[in-house]
Amino acid sequence: MKHYLEFTVNVKPDEATKFILEDSDLTSNLIFQDRKVAGEKVIVILVFEKFFFRNNSTASLTVTIDDFSSVTYVKCISSGNGEGLLDFGWGAGKSFIRPIREILENHILDIIEDN
């Protein structure tokens, strides 16, 4: 089951990335990181992986942080966190996204989507 969170922050992508990667409470494994620059605009892509004992599955979390608009957008997509035919995740997807939101909480301007 996938979960998606999109919000804007009042910091640039590199600063938001630094906050995320330097947070000692983040318990997932960073398996991929990329940064691209187009003129003065930046996009950072982070991919995390975590094993959830509650449903015996490995989940991935993809985070994109970009300033292609007038503000910085953070998009978090968790996937692969469900089990069985009904893809039941026992809340693993939302709990995987939550730390990113908590790390950047003091910088959030607006929540665009949270499902």
PDB file of N, CA and C in Angstrom:
ATOM      1  N   MET A   1       0.845  -1.166   0.000  1.00  0.00           N
ATOM      2  CA  MET A   1       0.000   0.000   0.000  1.00  0.00           C
ATOM      3  C   MET A   1       0.890   1.229   0.000  1.00  0.00           C
ATOM      4  N   LYS A   2       0.582   2.189  -0.833  1.00  0.00           N
ATOM      5  CA  LYS A   2       1.398   3.393  -0.872  1.00  0.00           C
ATOM      6  C   LYS A   2       0.751   4.499  -0.046  1.00  0.00           C
ATOM      7  N   HIS A   3       1.600   5.344   0.483  1.00  0.00           N
ATOM      8  CA  HIS A   3       1.158   6.540   1.188  1.00  0.00           C
ATOM      9  C   HIS A   3       1.938   7.708   0.618  1.00  0.00           C
ATOM     10  N   TYR A   4       1.287   8.882   0.597  1.00  0.00           N
ATOM     11  CA  TYR A   4       1.877  10.043  -0.050  1.00  0.00           C
ATOM     12  C   TYR A   4       1.698  11.256   0.841  1.00  0.00           C
ATOM     13  N   LEU A   5       2.746  12.042   0.968  1.00  0.00           N
ATOM     14  CA  LEU A   5       2.708  13.295   1.716  1.00  0.00           C
ATOM     15  C   LEU A   5       3.445  14.340   0.899  1.00  0.00           C
ATOM     16  N   GLU A   6       2.800  15.478   0.697  1.00  0.00           N
ATOM     17  CA  GLU A   6       3.433  16.588  -0.017  1.00  0.00           C
ATOM     18  C   GLU A   6       3.226  17.855   0.788  1.00  0.00           C
ATOM     19  N   PHE A   7       4.313  18.599   0.996  1.00  0.00           N
ATOM     20  CA  PHE A   7       4.221  19.860   1.725  1.00  0.00           C
ATOM     21  C   PHE A   7       5.298  20.821   1.243  1.00  0.00           C
ATOM     22  N   THR A   8       5.122  22.099   1.591  1.00  0.00           N
ATOM     23  CA  THR A   8       6.115  23.111   1.257  1.00  0.00           C
ATOM     24  C   THR A   8       6.844  23.531   2.523  1.00  0.00           C
ATOM     25  N   VAL A   9       8.096  23.941   2.350  1.00  0.00           N
ATOM     26  CA  VAL A   9       8.914  24.379   3.480  1.00  0.00           C
ATOM     27  C   VAL A   9       9.588  25.706   3.147  1.00  0.00           C
ATOM     28  N   ASN A  10      10.042  26.384   4.192  1.00  0.00           N
ATOM     29  CA  ASN A  10      10.659  27.697   4.015  1.00  0.00           C
ATOM     30  C   ASN A  10      12.185  27.637   3.987  1.00  0.00           C
ATOM     31  N   VAL A  11      12.739  26.495   3.609  1.00  0.00           N
ATOM     32  CA  VAL A  11      14.187  26.339   3.454  1.00  0.00           C
ATOM     33  C   VAL A  11      14.480  25.772   2.068  1.00  0.00           C
ATOM     34  N   LYS A  12      15.692  25.954   1.607  1.00  0.00           N
ATOM     35  CA  LYS A  12      16.112  25.449   0.297  1.00  0.00           C
ATOM     36  C   LYS A  12      16.296  23.924   0.351  1.00  0.00           C
ATOM     37  N   PRO A  13      16.273  23.258  -0.802  1.00  0.00           N
ATOM     38  CA  PRO A  13      16.401  21.797  -0.831  1.00  0.00           C
ATOM     39  C   PRO A  13      17.639  21.253  -0.120  1.00  0.00           C
ATOM     40  N   ASP A  14      18.776  21.900  -0.299  1.00  0.00           N
ATOM     41  CA  ASP A  14      19.997  21.395   0.341  1.00  0.00           C
ATOM     42  C   ASP A  14      19.908  21.461   1.860  1.00  0.00           C
ATOM     43  N   GLU A  15      19.293  22.522   2.381  1.00  0.00           N
ATOM     44  CA  GLU A  15      19.144  22.647   3.834  1.00  0.00           C
ATOM     45  C   GLU A  15      18.156  21.613   4.367  1.00  0.00           C
ATOM     46  N   ALA A  16      17.046  21.416   3.664  1.00  0.00           N
ATOM     47  CA  ALA A  16      16.070  20.400   4.075  1.00  0.00           C
ATOM     48  C   ALA A  16      16.710  19.011   4.054  1.00  0.00           C
ATOM     49  N   THR A  17      17.507  18.740   3.033  1.00  0.00           N
ATOM     50  CA  THR A  17      18.210  17.456   2.936  1.00  0.00           C
ATOM     51  C   THR A  17      19.148  17.266   4.118  1.00  0.00           C
ATOM     52  N   LYS A  18      19.871  18.316   4.459  1.00  0.00           N
ATOM     53  CA  LYS A  18      20.800  18.252   5.594  1.00  0.00           C
ATOM     54  C   LYS A  18      20.056  17.929   6.886  1.00  0.00           C
ATOM     55  N   PHE A  19      18.917  18.586   7.111  1.00  0.00           N
ATOM     56  CA  PHE A  19      18.112  18.308   8.312  1.00  0.00           C
ATOM     57  C   PHE A  19      17.723  16.831   8.370  1.00  0.00           C
ATOM     58  N   ILE A  20      17.288  16.287   7.240  1.00  0.00           N
ATOM     59  CA  ILE A  20      16.834  14.893   7.193  1.00  0.00           C
ATOM     60  C   ILE A  20      17.995  13.932   7.446  1.00  0.00           C
ATOM     61  N   LEU A  21      19.077  14.111   6.725  1.00  0.00           N
ATOM     62  CA  LEU A  21      20.188  13.156   6.796  1.00  0.00           C
ATOM     63  C   LEU A  21      20.967  13.228   8.101  1.00  0.00           C
ATOM     64  N   GLU A  22      20.939  14.377   8.768  1.00  0.00           N
ATOM     65  CA  GLU A  22      21.678  14.514  10.024  1.00  0.00           C
ATOM     66  C   GLU A  22      20.837  14.200  11.255  1.00  0.00           C
ATOM     67  N   ASP A  23      19.566  13.856  11.064  1.00  0.00           N
ATOM     68  CA  ASP A  23      18.703  13.559  12.206  1.00  0.00           C
ATOM     69  C   ASP A  23      19.017  12.170  12.755  1.00  0.00           C
ATOM     70  N   SER A  24      19.374  12.114  14.017  1.00  0.00           N
ATOM     71  CA  SER A  24      19.774  10.841  14.635  1.00  0.00           C
ATOM     72  C   SER A  24      18.590   9.921  14.926  1.00  0.00           C
ATOM     73  N   ASP A  25      17.368  10.445  14.892  1.00  0.00           N
ATOM     74  CA  ASP A  25      16.191   9.620  15.155  1.00  0.00           C
ATOM     75  C   ASP A  25      15.702   8.869  13.916  1.00  0.00           C
ATOM     76  N   LEU A  26      16.232   9.184  12.758  1.00  0.00           N
ATOM     77  CA  LEU A  26      15.823   8.525  11.524  1.00  0.00           C
ATOM     78  C   LEU A  26      16.384   7.102  11.525  1.00  0.00           C
ATOM     79  N   THR A  27      15.499   6.111  11.527  1.00  0.00           N
ATOM     80  CA  THR A  27      15.915   4.712  11.702  1.00  0.00           C
ATOM     81  C   THR A  27      15.939   3.908  10.404  1.00  0.00           C
ATOM     82  N   SER A  28      15.702   4.544   9.282  1.00  0.00           N
ATOM     83  CA  SER A  28      15.721   3.820   8.012  1.00  0.00           C
ATOM     84  C   SER A  28      17.095   3.951   7.360  1.00  0.00           C
ATOM     85  N   ASN A  29      17.348   3.081   6.398  1.00  0.00           N
ATOM     86  CA  ASN A  29      18.631   3.070   5.697  1.00  0.00           C
ATOM     87  C   ASN A  29      18.536   3.862   4.403  1.00  0.00           C
ATOM     88  N   LEU A  30      19.429   4.815   4.222  1.00  0.00           N
ATOM     89  CA  LEU A  30      19.510   5.551   2.967  1.00  0.00           C
ATOM     90  C   LEU A  30      20.181   4.641   1.942  1.00  0.00           C
ATOM     91  N   ILE A  31      19.463   4.325   0.855  1.00  0.00           N
ATOM     92  CA  ILE A  31      20.035   3.431  -0.155  1.00  0.00           C
ATOM     93  C   ILE A  31      20.360   4.152  -1.463  1.00  0.00           C
ATOM     94  N   PHE A  32      19.872   5.389  -1.617  1.00  0.00           N
ATOM     95  CA  PHE A  32      20.161   6.155  -2.832  1.00  0.00           C
ATOM     96  C   PHE A  32      20.010   7.630  -2.533  1.00  0.00           C
ATOM     97  N   GLN A  33      20.915   8.423  -3.096  1.00  0.00           N
ATOM     98  CA  GLN A  33      20.839   9.880  -2.962  1.00  0.00           C
ATOM     99  C   GLN A  33      21.338  10.496  -4.256  1.00  0.00           C
ATOM    100  N   ASP A  34      20.616  11.496  -4.760  1.00  0.00           N
ATOM    101  CA  ASP A  34      21.029  12.184  -5.975  1.00  0.00           C
ATOM    102  C   ASP A  34      20.644  13.649  -5.858  1.00  0.00           C
ATOM    103  N   ARG A  35      21.411  14.486  -6.505  1.00  0.00           N
ATOM    104  CA  ARG A  35      21.149  15.929  -6.507  1.00  0.00           C
ATOM    105  C   ARG A  35      21.417  16.431  -7.917  1.00  0.00           C
ATOM    106  N   LYS A  36      20.439  17.121  -8.486  1.00  0.00           N
ATOM    107  CA  LYS A  36      20.578  17.693  -9.821  1.00  0.00           C
ATOM    108  C   LYS A  36      20.318  19.190  -9.743  1.00  0.00           C
ATOM    109  N   VAL A  37      21.050  19.940 -10.563  1.00  0.00           N
ATOM    110  CA  VAL A  37      20.911  21.388 -10.614  1.00  0.00           C
ATOM    111  C   VAL A  37      20.540  21.780 -12.037  1.00  0.00           C
ATOM    112  N   ALA A  38      19.536  22.648 -12.159  1.00  0.00           N
ATOM    113  CA  ALA A  38      19.125  23.196 -13.448  1.00  0.00           C
ATOM    114  C   ALA A  38      19.084  24.716 -13.298  1.00  0.00           C
ATOM    115  N   GLY A  39      20.131  25.366 -13.726  1.00  0.00           N
ATOM    116  CA  GLY A  39      20.223  26.812 -13.508  1.00  0.00           C
ATOM    117  C   GLY A  39      20.402  27.075 -12.027  1.00  0.00           C
ATOM    118  N   GLU A  40      19.456  27.804 -11.441  1.00  0.00           N
ATOM    119  CA  GLU A  40      19.492  28.079 -10.002  1.00  0.00           C
ATOM    120  C   GLU A  40      18.557  27.164  -9.219  1.00  0.00           C
ATOM    121  N   LYS A  41      17.920  26.236  -9.894  1.00  0.00           N
ATOM    122  CA  LYS A  41      16.967  25.329  -9.256  1.00  0.00           C
ATOM    123  C   LYS A  41      17.634  23.998  -8.929  1.00  0.00           C
ATOM    124  N   VAL A  42      17.167  23.372  -7.837  1.00  0.00           N
ATOM    125  CA  VAL A  42      17.778  22.135  -7.346  1.00  0.00           C
ATOM    126  C   VAL A  42      16.693  21.102  -7.066  1.00  0.00           C
ATOM    127  N   ILE A  43      16.986  19.842  -7.361  1.00  0.00           N
ATOM    128  CA  ILE A  43      16.140  18.741  -6.914  1.00  0.00           C
ATOM    129  C   ILE A  43      17.043  17.704  -6.250  1.00  0.00           C
ATOM    130  N   VAL A  44      16.602  17.236  -5.103  1.00  0.00           N
ATOM    131  CA  VAL A  44      17.294  16.189  -4.369  1.00  0.00           C
ATOM    132  C   VAL A  44      16.356  14.992  -4.295  1.00  0.00           C
ATOM    133  N   ILE A  45      16.890  13.815  -4.554  1.00  0.00           N
ATOM    134  CA  ILE A  45      16.114  12.579  -4.466  1.00  0.00           C
ATOM    135  C   ILE A  45      16.780  11.685  -3.429  1.00  0.00           C
ATOM    136  N   LEU A  46      15.992  11.246  -2.457  1.00  0.00           N
ATOM    137  CA  LEU A  46      16.463  10.345  -1.411  1.00  0.00           C
ATOM    138  C   LEU A  46      15.587   9.102  -1.425  1.00  0.00           C
ATOM    139  N   VAL A  47      16.193   7.927  -1.339  1.00  0.00           N
ATOM    140  CA  VAL A  47      15.431   6.686  -1.250  1.00  0.00           C
ATOM    141  C   VAL A  47      15.910   5.942  -0.005  1.00  0.00           C
ATOM    142  N   PHE A  48      14.940   5.623   0.853  1.00  0.00           N
ATOM    143  CA  PHE A  48      15.219   4.912   2.095  1.00  0.00           C
ATOM    144  C   PHE A  48      14.567   3.538   2.047  1.00  0.00           C
ATOM    145  N   GLU A  49      15.079   2.641   2.878  1.00  0.00           N
ATOM    146  CA  GLU A  49      14.522   1.296   2.997  1.00  0.00           C
ATOM    147  C   GLU A  49      14.455   0.943   4.478  1.00  0.00           C
ATOM    148  N   LYS A  50      13.406   0.218   4.838  1.00  0.00           N
ATOM    149  CA  LYS A  50      13.248  -0.175   6.240  1.00  0.00           C
ATOM    150  C   LYS A  50      12.457  -1.476   6.308  1.00  0.00           C
ATOM    151  N   PHE A  51      12.842  -2.339   7.236  1.00  0.00           N
ATOM    152  CA  PHE A  51      12.107  -3.580   7.464  1.00  0.00           C
ATOM    153  C   PHE A  51      11.132  -3.368   8.617  1.00  0.00           C
ATOM    154  N   PHE A  52       9.879  -3.781   8.407  1.00  0.00           N
ATOM    155  CA  PHE A  52       8.843  -3.669   9.429  1.00  0.00           C
ATOM    156  C   PHE A  52       8.487  -5.060   9.935  1.00  0.00           C
ATOM    157  N   PHE A  53       8.753  -5.313  11.205  1.00  0.00           N
ATOM    158  CA  PHE A  53       8.430  -6.603  11.804  1.00  0.00           C
ATOM    159  C   PHE A  53       6.927  -6.817  11.920  1.00  0.00           C
ATOM    160  N   ARG A  54       6.172  -5.721  12.102  1.00  0.00           N
ATOM    161  CA  ARG A  54       4.727  -5.851  12.327  1.00  0.00           C
ATOM    162  C   ARG A  54       4.002  -6.540  11.180  1.00  0.00           C
ATOM    163  N   ASN A  55       4.513  -6.388   9.959  1.00  0.00           N
ATOM    164  CA  ASN A  55       3.879  -7.064   8.830  1.00  0.00           C
ATOM    165  C   ASN A  55       4.890  -7.841   7.984  1.00  0.00           C
ATOM    166  N   ASN A  56       6.098  -8.018   8.530  1.00  0.00           N
ATOM    167  CA  ASN A  56       7.121  -8.837   7.891  1.00  0.00           C
ATOM    168  C   ASN A  56       7.387  -8.397   6.450  1.00  0.00           C
ATOM    169  N   SER A  57       7.606  -7.084   6.250  1.00  0.00           N
ATOM    170  CA  SER A  57       7.859  -6.588   4.901  1.00  0.00           C
ATOM    171  C   SER A  57       8.924  -5.497   4.919  1.00  0.00           C
ATOM    172  N   THR A  58       9.550  -5.347   3.780  1.00  0.00           N
ATOM    173  CA  THR A  58      10.500  -4.260   3.583  1.00  0.00           C
ATOM    174  C   THR A  58       9.803  -3.178   2.781  1.00  0.00           C
ATOM    175  N   ALA A  59       9.900  -1.951   3.257  1.00  0.00           N
ATOM    176  CA  ALA A  59       9.248  -0.827   2.591  1.00  0.00           C
ATOM    177  C   ALA A  59      10.298   0.133   2.058  1.00  0.00           C
ATOM    178  N   SER A  60       9.909   0.879   1.047  1.00  0.00           N
ATOM    179  CA  SER A  60      10.789   1.928   0.544  1.00  0.00           C
ATOM    180  C   SER A  60      10.100   3.276   0.714  1.00  0.00           C
ATOM    181  N   LEU A  61      10.914   4.284   0.897  1.00  0.00           N
ATOM    182  CA  LEU A  61      10.423   5.655   1.009  1.00  0.00           C
ATOM    183  C   LEU A  61      11.242   6.507   0.061  1.00  0.00           C
ATOM    184  N   THR A  62      10.566   7.123  -0.898  1.00  0.00           N
ATOM    185  CA  THR A  62      11.221   8.033  -1.825  1.00  0.00           C
ATOM    186  C   THR A  62      10.843   9.447  -1.435  1.00  0.00           C
ATOM    187  N   VAL A  63      11.846  10.299  -1.283  1.00  0.00           N
ATOM    188  CA  VAL A  63      11.630  11.698  -0.916  1.00  0.00           C
ATOM    189  C   VAL A  63      12.254  12.562  -2.002  1.00  0.00           C
ATOM    190  N   THR A  64      11.457  13.462  -2.571  1.00  0.00           N
ATOM    191  CA  THR A  64      12.004  14.447  -3.496  1.00  0.00           C
ATOM    192  C   THR A  64      11.850  15.818  -2.861  1.00  0.00           C
ATOM    193  N   ILE A  65      12.868  16.628  -3.023  1.00  0.00           N
ATOM    194  CA  ILE A  65      12.869  17.984  -2.475  1.00  0.00           C
ATOM    195  C   ILE A  65      13.327  18.899  -3.601  1.00  0.00           C
ATOM    196  N   ASP A  66      12.462  19.830  -4.023  1.00  0.00           N
ATOM    197  CA  ASP A  66      12.838  20.699  -5.140  1.00  0.00           C
ATOM    198  C   ASP A  66      12.345  22.122  -4.925  1.00  0.00           C
ATOM    199  N   ASP A  67      13.020  23.040  -5.583  1.00  0.00           N
ATOM    200  CA  ASP A  67      12.605  24.444  -5.536  1.00  0.00           C
ATOM    201  C   ASP A  67      12.326  24.966  -6.941  1.00  0.00           C
ATOM    202  N   PHE A  68      11.709  24.138  -7.772  1.00  0.00           N
ATOM    203  CA  PHE A  68      11.373  24.539  -9.130  1.00  0.00           C
ATOM    204  C   PHE A  68      10.270  25.593  -9.162  1.00  0.00           C
ATOM    205  N   SER A  69       9.497  25.702  -8.090  1.00  0.00           N
ATOM    206  CA  SER A  69       8.477  26.744  -7.970  1.00  0.00           C
ATOM    207  C   SER A  69       9.026  27.846  -7.070  1.00  0.00           C
ATOM    208  N   SER A  70       8.169  28.716  -6.615  1.00  0.00           N
ATOM    209  CA  SER A  70       8.608  29.835  -5.771  1.00  0.00           C
ATOM    210  C   SER A  70       8.940  29.397  -4.348  1.00  0.00           C
ATOM    211  N   VAL A  71       8.538  28.184  -3.966  1.00  0.00           N
ATOM    212  CA  VAL A  71       8.860  27.636  -2.645  1.00  0.00           C
ATOM    213  C   VAL A  71       9.451  26.240  -2.833  1.00  0.00           C
ATOM    214  N   THR A  72       9.948  25.677  -1.744  1.00  0.00           N
ATOM    215  CA  THR A  72      10.514  24.328  -1.788  1.00  0.00           C
ATOM    216  C   THR A  72       9.429  23.302  -1.489  1.00  0.00           C
ATOM    217  N   TYR A  73       9.290  22.332  -2.371  1.00  0.00           N
ATOM    218  CA  TYR A  73       8.325  21.248  -2.200  1.00  0.00           C
ATOM    219  C   TYR A  73       9.043  19.995  -1.718  1.00  0.00           C
ATOM    220  N   VAL A  74       8.430  19.316  -0.749  1.00  0.00           N
ATOM    221  CA  VAL A  74       8.909  18.029  -0.269  1.00  0.00           C
ATOM    222  C   VAL A  74       7.807  17.019  -0.556  1.00  0.00           C
ATOM    223  N   LYS A  75       8.157  15.945  -1.253  1.00  0.00           N
ATOM    224  CA  LYS A  75       7.191  14.899  -1.584  1.00  0.00           C
ATOM    225  C   LYS A  75       7.725  13.576  -1.068  1.00  0.00           C
ATOM    226  N   CYS A  76       6.898  12.870  -0.307  1.00  0.00           N
ATOM    227  CA  CYS A  76       7.281  11.594   0.301  1.00  0.00           C
ATOM    228  C   CYS A  76       6.317  10.514  -0.173  1.00  0.00           C
ATOM    229  N   ILE A  77       6.860   9.442  -0.735  1.00  0.00           N
ATOM    230  CA  ILE A  77       6.043   8.338  -1.223  1.00  0.00           C
ATOM    231  C   ILE A  77       6.573   7.044  -0.629  1.00  0.00           C
ATOM    232  N   SER A  78       5.760   6.381   0.182  1.00  0.00           N
ATOM    233  CA  SER A  78       6.163   5.080   0.717  1.00  0.00           C
ATOM    234  C   SER A  78       5.456   3.996  -0.082  1.00  0.00           C
ATOM    235  N   SER A  79       6.143   2.884  -0.280  1.00  0.00           N
ATOM    236  CA  SER A  79       5.538   1.777  -1.023  1.00  0.00           C
ATOM    237  C   SER A  79       6.165   0.466  -0.584  1.00  0.00           C
ATOM    238  N   GLY A  80       5.506  -0.618  -0.968  1.00  0.00           N
ATOM    239  CA  GLY A  80       6.013  -1.944  -0.652  1.00  0.00           C
ATOM    240  C   GLY A  80       5.883  -2.309   0.807  1.00  0.00           C
ATOM    241  N   ASN A  81       4.960  -1.655   1.516  1.00  0.00           N
ATOM    242  CA  ASN A  81       4.864  -1.886   2.955  1.00  0.00           C
ATOM    243  C   ASN A  81       3.641  -2.691   3.352  1.00  0.00           C
ATOM    244  N   GLY A  82       2.968  -3.271   2.376  1.00  0.00           N
ATOM    245  CA  GLY A  82       1.798  -4.085   2.682  1.00  0.00           C
ATOM    246  C   GLY A  82       2.109  -5.561   2.525  1.00  0.00           C
ATOM    247  N   GLU A  83       1.159  -6.377   2.935  1.00  0.00           N
ATOM    248  CA  GLU A  83       1.333  -7.820   2.787  1.00  0.00           C
ATOM    249  C   GLU A  83       0.024  -8.438   2.341  1.00  0.00           C
ATOM    250  N   GLY A  84       0.130  -9.567   1.702  1.00  0.00           N
ATOM    251  CA  GLY A  84      -1.048 -10.333   1.325  1.00  0.00           C
ATOM    252  C   GLY A  84      -1.777  -9.781   0.119  1.00  0.00           C
ATOM    253  N   LEU A  85      -2.858 -10.455  -0.218  1.00  0.00           N
ATOM    254  CA  LEU A  85      -3.654 -10.123  -1.383  1.00  0.00           C
ATOM    255  C   LEU A  85      -4.245  -8.722  -1.297  1.00  0.00           C
ATOM    256  N   LEU A  86      -4.622  -8.297  -0.098  1.00  0.00           N
ATOM    257  CA  LEU A  86      -5.233  -6.981   0.077  1.00  0.00           C
ATOM    258  C   LEU A  86      -4.205  -5.889   0.330  1.00  0.00           C
ATOM    259  N   ASP A  87      -2.915  -6.242   0.336  1.00  0.00           N
ATOM    260  CA  ASP A  87      -1.841  -5.270   0.523  1.00  0.00           C
ATOM    261  C   ASP A  87      -2.031  -4.492   1.821  1.00  0.00           C
ATOM    262  N   PHE A  88      -2.310  -5.209   2.902  1.00  0.00           N
ATOM    263  CA  PHE A  88      -2.582  -4.598   4.197  1.00  0.00           C
ATOM    264  C   PHE A  88      -1.275  -4.280   4.904  1.00  0.00           C
ATOM    265  N   GLY A  89      -1.050  -3.015   5.266  1.00  0.00           N
ATOM    266  CA  GLY A  89       0.238  -2.580   5.781  1.00  0.00           C
ATOM    267  C   GLY A  89       0.329  -2.352   7.270  1.00  0.00           C
ATOM    268  N   TRP A  90      -0.739  -2.457   8.023  1.00  0.00           N
ATOM    269  CA  TRP A  90      -0.730  -2.253   9.474  1.00  0.00           C
ATOM    270  C   TRP A  90      -0.132  -0.901   9.866  1.00  0.00           C
ATOM    271  N   GLY A  91      -0.310   0.110   9.025  1.00  0.00           N
ATOM    272  CA  GLY A  91       0.171   1.452   9.347  1.00  0.00           C
ATOM    273  C   GLY A  91       1.640   1.685   9.077  1.00  0.00           C
ATOM    274  N   ALA A  92       2.318   0.713   8.477  1.00  0.00           N
ATOM    275  CA  ALA A  92       3.761   0.840   8.245  1.00  0.00           C
ATOM    276  C   ALA A  92       4.089   2.008   7.322  1.00  0.00           C
ATOM    277  N   GLY A  93       3.297   2.211   6.281  1.00  0.00           N
ATOM    278  CA  GLY A  93       3.578   3.280   5.318  1.00  0.00           C
ATOM    279  C   GLY A  93       3.532   4.659   5.930  1.00  0.00           C
ATOM    280  N   LYS A  94       2.481   4.923   6.693  1.00  0.00           N
ATOM    281  CA  LYS A  94       2.363   6.237   7.338  1.00  0.00           C
ATOM    282  C   LYS A  94       3.443   6.437   8.386  1.00  0.00           C
ATOM    283  N   SER A  95       3.785   5.376   9.118  1.00  0.00           N
ATOM    284  CA  SER A  95       4.817   5.530  10.142  1.00  0.00           C
ATOM    285  C   SER A  95       6.196   5.716   9.510  1.00  0.00           C
ATOM    286  N   PHE A  96       6.376   5.288   8.276  1.00  0.00           N
ATOM    287  CA  PHE A  96       7.640   5.470   7.569  1.00  0.00           C
ATOM    288  C   PHE A  96       7.796   6.925   7.123  1.00  0.00           C
ATOM    289  N   ILE A  97       6.701   7.552   6.729  1.00  0.00           N
ATOM    290  CA  ILE A  97       6.716   8.948   6.282  1.00  0.00           C
ATOM    291  C   ILE A  97       6.807   9.920   7.458  1.00  0.00           C
ATOM    292  N   ARG A  98       6.195   9.581   8.567  1.00  0.00           N
ATOM    293  CA  ARG A  98       6.079  10.492   9.715  1.00  0.00           C
ATOM    294  C   ARG A  98       7.394  11.156  10.136  1.00  0.00           C
ATOM    295  N   PRO A  99       8.518  10.431  10.240  1.00  0.00           N
ATOM    296  CA  PRO A  99       9.758  11.087  10.684  1.00  0.00           C
ATOM    297  C   PRO A  99      10.215  12.231   9.778  1.00  0.00           C
ATOM    298  N   ILE A 100       9.994  12.116   8.478  1.00  0.00           N
ATOM    299  CA  ILE A 100      10.392  13.197   7.567  1.00  0.00           C
ATOM    300  C   ILE A 100       9.600  14.451   7.894  1.00  0.00           C
ATOM    301  N   ARG A 101       8.301  14.278   8.091  1.00  0.00           N
ATOM    302  CA  ARG A 101       7.456  15.420   8.450  1.00  0.00           C
ATOM    303  C   ARG A 101       7.891  16.011   9.791  1.00  0.00           C
ATOM    304  N   GLU A 102       8.185  15.164  10.764  1.00  0.00           N
ATOM    305  CA  GLU A 102       8.582  15.649  12.085  1.00  0.00           C
ATOM    306  C   GLU A 102       9.913  16.388  12.040  1.00  0.00           C
ATOM    307  N   ILE A 103      10.849  15.910  11.241  1.00  0.00           N
ATOM    308  CA  ILE A 103      12.150  16.563  11.119  1.00  0.00           C
ATOM    309  C   ILE A 103      12.003  17.979  10.565  1.00  0.00           C
ATOM    310  N   LEU A 104      11.106  18.147   9.601  1.00  0.00           N
ATOM    311  CA  LEU A 104      10.936  19.446   8.941  1.00  0.00           C
ATOM    312  C   LEU A 104       9.763  20.256   9.495  1.00  0.00           C
ATOM    313  N   GLU A 105       9.127  19.775  10.554  1.00  0.00           N
ATOM    314  CA  GLU A 105       7.907  20.390  11.103  1.00  0.00           C
ATOM    315  C   GLU A 105       8.026  21.899  11.317  1.00  0.00           C
ATOM    316  N   ASN A 106       9.131  22.362  11.850  1.00  0.00           N
ATOM    317  CA  ASN A 106       9.292  23.794  12.143  1.00  0.00           C
ATOM    318  C   ASN A 106       9.451  24.651  10.896  1.00  0.00           C
ATOM    319  N   HIS A 107       9.588  24.021   9.742  1.00  0.00           N
ATOM    320  CA  HIS A 107       9.798  24.756   8.496  1.00  0.00           C
ATOM    321  C   HIS A 107       8.633  24.610   7.520  1.00  0.00           C
ATOM    322  N   ILE A 108       7.614  23.841   7.893  1.00  0.00           N
ATOM    323  CA  ILE A 108       6.489  23.592   6.987  1.00  0.00           C
ATOM    324  C   ILE A 108       5.634  24.844   6.840  1.00  0.00           C
ATOM    325  N   LEU A 109       5.377  25.200   5.587  1.00  0.00           N
ATOM    326  CA  LEU A 109       4.491  26.320   5.275  1.00  0.00           C
ATOM    327  C   LEU A 109       3.067  25.847   5.032  1.00  0.00           C
ATOM    328  N   ASP A 110       2.931  24.737   4.300  1.00  0.00           N
ATOM    329  CA  ASP A 110       1.603  24.263   3.914  1.00  0.00           C
ATOM    330  C   ASP A 110       1.664  22.765   3.615  1.00  0.00           C
ATOM    331  N   ILE A 111       0.626  22.051   4.046  1.00  0.00           N
ATOM    332  CA  ILE A 111       0.471  20.639   3.689  1.00  0.00           C
ATOM    333  C   ILE A 111      -0.386  20.599   2.430  1.00  0.00           C
ATOM    334  N   ILE A 112       0.152  20.080   1.356  1.00  0.00           N
ATOM    335  CA  ILE A 112      -0.569  20.015   0.081  1.00  0.00           C
ATOM    336  C   ILE A 112      -1.448  18.772   0.029  1.00  0.00           C
ATOM    337  N   GLU A 113      -0.876  17.625   0.390  1.00  0.00           N
ATOM    338  CA  GLU A 113      -1.622  16.361   0.361  1.00  0.00           C
ATOM    339  C   GLU A 113      -1.045  15.411   1.402  1.00  0.00           C
ATOM    340  N   ASP A 114      -1.934  14.699   2.078  1.00  0.00           N
ATOM    341  CA  ASP A 114      -1.520  13.725   3.093  1.00  0.00           C
ATOM    342  C   ASP A 114      -2.501  12.567   3.063  1.00  0.00           C
ATOM    343  N   ASN A 115      -2.116  11.473   2.414  1.00  0.00           N
ATOM    344  CA  ASN A 115      -2.999  10.296   2.371  1.00  0.00           C
ATOM    345  C   ASN A 115      -2.222   9.015   2.493  1.00  0.00           C
TER     346      ASN A 115
END
